[in-house]
Protein backbone atom coordinates (compact mmCIF):
# COMPACT_ATOMS: atom_id res chain seq x y z
CA UNK A 1 -22.50 -13.83 -32.05
CA UNK A 2 -19.92 -11.14 -31.29
CA UNK A 3 -16.64 -12.19 -32.92
CA UNK A 4 -14.63 -9.86 -30.66
CA UNK A 5 -15.94 -11.47 -27.45
CA UNK A 6 -13.18 -14.14 -27.13
CA UNK A 7 -10.53 -11.44 -27.60
CA UNK A 8 -12.14 -9.24 -24.94
CA UNK A 9 -12.28 -12.17 -22.54
CA UNK A 10 -8.61 -13.01 -23.05
CA UNK A 11 -7.50 -9.40 -22.61
CA UNK A 12 -9.55 -9.02 -19.44
CA UNK A 13 -8.27 -12.34 -18.14
CA UNK A 14 -4.68 -11.21 -18.76
CA UNK A 15 -5.22 -8.16 -16.55
CA UNK A 16 -6.92 -10.37 -13.95
CA UNK A 17 -3.84 -12.59 -13.84
CA UNK A 18 -1.76 -9.54 -12.99
CA UNK A 19 -4.19 -8.78 -10.16
CA UNK A 20 -3.97 -12.37 -8.90
CA UNK A 21 -0.16 -12.17 -8.95
CA UNK A 22 -0.29 -9.01 -6.84
CA UNK A 23 -2.77 -10.69 -4.52
CA UNK A 24 -0.48 -13.68 -3.94
CA UNK A 25 2.51 -11.36 -3.45
CA UNK A 26 0.63 -9.41 -0.78
CA UNK A 27 -0.62 -12.49 1.05
CA UNK A 28 2.73 -14.30 1.31
CA UNK A 29 5.00 -11.28 1.96
CA UNK A 30 5.80 -9.58 5.27
CA UNK A 31 5.91 -5.90 4.33
CA UNK A 32 2.38 -4.68 4.99
CA UNK A 33 3.46 -2.21 7.67
CA UNK A 34 6.73 -0.96 9.16
CA UNK A 35 6.93 0.07 12.83
CA UNK A 36 9.66 1.99 14.60
CA UNK A 37 10.14 3.09 18.24
CA UNK A 38 11.40 6.44 19.46
CA UNK A 39 15.19 6.80 19.41
CA UNK A 40 16.50 8.45 22.57
CA UNK A 41 20.17 8.71 21.60
CA UNK A 42 22.45 8.38 18.60
CA UNK A 43 25.28 5.87 18.18
CA UNK A 44 23.05 3.15 19.59
CA UNK A 45 21.02 0.23 18.28
CA UNK A 46 17.27 0.39 17.86
CA UNK A 47 14.77 -2.25 16.82
CA UNK A 48 12.37 -1.67 13.92
CA UNK A 49 9.77 -4.18 12.76
CA UNK A 50 7.80 -5.04 9.67
CA UNK A 51 5.03 -7.59 9.46
CA UNK A 52 2.46 -9.17 7.19
CA UNK A 53 -0.47 -11.49 7.66
CA UNK A 54 1.53 -14.38 9.06
CA UNK A 55 4.97 -13.29 10.26
CA UNK A 56 6.69 -10.53 12.19
CA UNK A 57 10.26 -9.54 11.35
CA UNK A 58 12.42 -7.41 13.63
CA UNK A 59 15.69 -5.76 12.74
CA UNK A 60 18.32 -4.25 15.03
CA UNK A 61 19.68 -1.15 13.33
CA UNK A 62 22.71 0.86 14.40
CA UNK A 63 21.83 4.57 14.24
CA UNK A 64 24.82 6.79 13.51
CA UNK A 65 23.05 10.03 12.67
CA UNK A 66 19.50 11.21 12.23
CA UNK A 67 17.77 14.09 10.48
CA UNK A 68 16.08 16.86 12.50
CA UNK A 69 12.61 15.67 11.51
CA UNK A 70 13.28 11.98 12.13
CA UNK A 71 12.37 10.59 15.53
CA UNK A 72 11.96 6.90 14.82
CA UNK A 73 14.23 3.97 14.13
CA UNK A 74 15.17 3.27 10.58
CA UNK A 75 14.74 3.23 7.73
CA UNK A 76 14.22 -0.52 7.69
CA UNK A 77 16.51 -0.84 4.65
CA UNK A 78 19.60 -0.13 6.79
CA UNK A 79 21.81 -3.16 7.55
CA UNK A 80 21.28 -5.00 10.79
CA UNK A 81 20.47 -8.30 12.48
CA UNK A 82 17.26 -9.67 10.96
CA UNK A 83 14.91 -12.09 12.71
CA UNK A 84 11.50 -13.35 11.55
CA UNK A 85 8.97 -15.48 13.40
CA UNK A 86 5.37 -16.53 12.83
CA UNK A 87 2.72 -15.04 15.04
CA UNK A 88 2.05 -16.91 18.26
CA UNK A 89 -1.63 -17.41 17.44
CA UNK A 90 -0.64 -19.27 14.26
CA UNK A 91 2.25 -21.27 15.77
CA UNK A 92 1.96 -21.69 19.57
CA UNK A 93 5.69 -22.37 19.83
CA UNK A 94 6.61 -18.88 18.62
CA UNK A 95 6.45 -15.65 20.59
CA UNK A 96 5.61 -12.15 19.48
CA UNK A 97 5.52 -9.33 22.02
CA UNK A 98 3.97 -6.88 19.57
CA UNK A 99 0.83 -8.96 19.11
CA UNK A 100 0.33 -10.10 22.68
CA UNK A 101 -2.69 -7.80 23.10
CA UNK A 102 -5.92 -9.73 22.49
CA UNK A 103 -7.31 -7.01 20.22
CA UNK A 104 -4.27 -7.22 17.95
CA UNK A 105 -4.61 -11.00 17.76
CA UNK A 106 -8.22 -10.69 16.65
CA UNK A 107 -7.34 -8.15 13.98
CA UNK A 108 -4.45 -10.26 12.71
CA UNK A 109 -6.48 -13.47 12.53
CA UNK A 110 -9.39 -11.67 10.84
CA UNK A 111 -7.16 -10.06 8.20
CA UNK A 112 -5.46 -13.38 7.42
CA UNK A 113 -8.76 -15.31 7.22
CA UNK A 114 -10.36 -12.76 4.89
CA UNK A 115 -7.26 -12.78 2.68
CA UNK A 116 -7.52 -16.57 2.40
CA UNK A 117 -11.12 -16.19 1.23
CA UNK A 118 -9.89 -13.72 -1.39
CA UNK A 119 -7.31 -16.21 -2.67
CA UNK A 120 -9.94 -18.96 -2.75
CA UNK A 121 -12.37 -16.84 -4.77
CA UNK A 122 -9.59 -15.91 -7.21
CA UNK A 123 -8.64 -19.57 -7.75
CA UNK A 124 -12.24 -20.66 -8.33
CA UNK A 125 -12.77 -17.77 -10.75
CA UNK A 126 -9.66 -18.75 -12.71
CA UNK A 127 -10.85 -22.35 -12.99
CA UNK A 128 -14.19 -21.14 -14.34
CA UNK A 129 -12.51 -18.92 -16.95
CA UNK A 130 -10.19 -21.71 -18.11
CA UNK A 131 -13.15 -24.08 -18.48
CA UNK A 132 -15.10 -21.43 -20.40
CA UNK A 133 -12.46 -21.43 -23.16
CA UNK A 134 -13.96 -24.72 -24.34
CA UNK A 135 -16.82 -24.57 -26.79
CA UNK A 136 -20.33 -23.78 -25.54
CA UNK A 137 -19.22 -23.01 -21.99
CA UNK A 138 -19.47 -19.24 -22.04
CA UNK A 139 -21.98 -19.43 -19.22
CA UNK A 140 -19.06 -19.99 -16.82
CA UNK A 141 -17.85 -16.42 -17.38
CA UNK A 142 -20.67 -15.00 -15.26
CA UNK A 143 -19.85 -16.90 -12.06
CA UNK A 144 -16.14 -16.30 -12.74
CA UNK A 145 -16.72 -12.55 -12.84
CA UNK A 146 -18.58 -12.70 -9.52
CA UNK A 147 -15.78 -14.72 -7.90
CA UNK A 148 -13.20 -12.14 -9.02
CA UNK A 149 -15.36 -9.32 -7.69
CA UNK A 150 -15.71 -11.10 -4.35
CA UNK A 151 -11.93 -11.67 -4.28
CA UNK A 152 -11.34 -7.95 -4.75
CA UNK A 153 -13.81 -7.04 -2.01
CA UNK A 154 -12.27 -9.53 0.41
CA UNK A 155 -8.72 -8.27 -0.05
CA UNK A 156 -9.74 -4.62 0.43
CA UNK A 157 -11.57 -5.62 3.63
CA UNK A 158 -8.38 -7.35 4.76
CA UNK A 159 -6.47 -4.15 3.98
CA UNK A 160 -8.86 -2.09 6.09
CA UNK A 161 -8.64 -4.56 9.00
CA UNK A 162 -4.85 -4.38 8.86
CA UNK A 163 -4.97 -0.57 8.73
CA UNK A 164 -7.18 -0.44 11.82
CA UNK A 165 -4.85 -2.89 13.54
CA UNK A 166 -1.80 -0.69 12.92
CA UNK A 167 -3.67 2.44 14.01
CA UNK A 168 -4.80 0.87 17.29
CA UNK A 169 -1.30 -0.45 17.89
CA UNK A 170 0.25 2.99 17.48
CA UNK A 171 -2.41 4.65 19.67
CA UNK A 172 -2.03 2.06 22.43
CA UNK A 173 0.06 2.97 25.47
CA UNK A 174 1.18 -0.64 25.85
CA UNK A 175 3.52 -0.51 22.84
CA UNK A 176 6.76 1.42 22.22
CA UNK A 177 6.00 2.09 18.57
CA UNK A 178 5.51 5.74 17.69
CA UNK A 179 5.86 5.77 13.91
CA UNK A 180 4.50 3.56 11.17
CA UNK A 181 4.34 3.38 7.40
CA UNK A 182 2.71 1.05 4.91
CA UNK A 183 5.06 -0.80 2.63
CA UNK A 184 4.95 -2.53 -0.77
CA UNK A 185 2.85 -5.52 0.33
CA UNK A 186 0.09 -3.12 1.36
CA UNK A 187 0.35 -1.41 -2.04
CA UNK A 188 0.15 -4.78 -3.82
CA UNK A 189 -3.05 -5.63 -1.94
CA UNK A 190 -4.65 -2.29 -2.88
CA UNK A 191 -3.64 -2.70 -6.54
CA UNK A 192 -4.99 -6.26 -6.54
CA UNK A 193 -8.36 -4.96 -5.30
CA UNK A 194 -8.59 -2.42 -8.11
CA UNK A 195 -7.69 -4.90 -10.85
CA UNK A 196 -9.83 -7.78 -9.59
CA UNK A 197 -12.88 -5.67 -8.81
CA UNK A 198 -12.85 -3.61 -12.02
CA UNK A 199 -11.98 -6.54 -14.30
CA UNK A 200 -14.55 -8.74 -12.56
CA UNK A 201 -17.28 -6.24 -13.44
CA UNK A 202 -15.86 -5.88 -16.97
CA UNK A 203 -15.91 -9.65 -17.42
CA UNK A 204 -19.55 -9.73 -16.32
CA UNK A 205 -20.47 -7.08 -18.88
CA UNK A 206 -18.66 -9.02 -21.60
CA UNK A 207 -20.45 -12.24 -20.63
CA UNK A 208 -23.90 -10.68 -20.79
CA UNK A 209 -25.80 -11.35 -24.03
CA UNK A 210 -25.70 -8.56 -26.59
CA UNK A 211 -28.87 -6.52 -26.79
CA UNK A 212 -30.40 -6.26 -30.26
CA UNK A 213 -29.45 -3.04 -32.04
CA UNK A 214 -32.54 -3.07 -34.27
CA UNK A 215 -36.09 -4.12 -33.36
CA UNK A 216 -36.28 -6.71 -36.16
CA UNK A 217 -33.19 -8.62 -34.94
CA UNK A 218 -35.25 -10.21 -32.18
CA UNK A 219 -37.92 -11.33 -34.64
CA UNK A 220 -35.35 -12.77 -37.05
CA UNK A 221 -33.60 -14.76 -34.31
CA UNK A 222 -36.84 -16.23 -32.98
CA UNK A 223 -37.55 -19.86 -33.72
CA UNK A 224 -40.41 -20.48 -36.17
CA UNK A 225 -43.67 -21.77 -34.75
CA UNK A 226 -44.83 -25.24 -35.83
């Protein structure tokens, strides 16, 4: 038995926990993308927006001056009146003009649903790893590694769905948004994919039985015939 295997599992699991933390931060936060309309005049208010999987937040910003290369409203970090509301397709009582288009609703619901699957896979994988710390339960590491790999794949699919949603929104003539940027929630989701996917594969390799280094090791480990 490899004496370094428990240490490898714990180190890999520590990195996986970082990936899970980034995954949860991305799912619950509202800074996946930032949208801004065209500003026609200075010394006026403009409305920028940032949104996540569940909520849309708008902010009225007073623009005093603007650089020659800047055409949009913002940056979003400027002070202003802040208002957040859940998407209408999640809470029928709320309204959201940005996501009134049916295509945008479908993208938003798909991204949120896939992200929930990612969280579910990560939770199940963590339960399997914690149970494997008990004696003679190393077999749980293999399904745990697969759950973490699936969690990483799901969150990167959610990222791609969100990216396509923002692109279609900007290209659409029905919206006033001309500029967009991806914010820290989007970066957290991408980092979570890398950590969960890579560490999931690493955990699978650690869980696999060690191949014999010498031909006679297999013969020595075989049970004697009666």
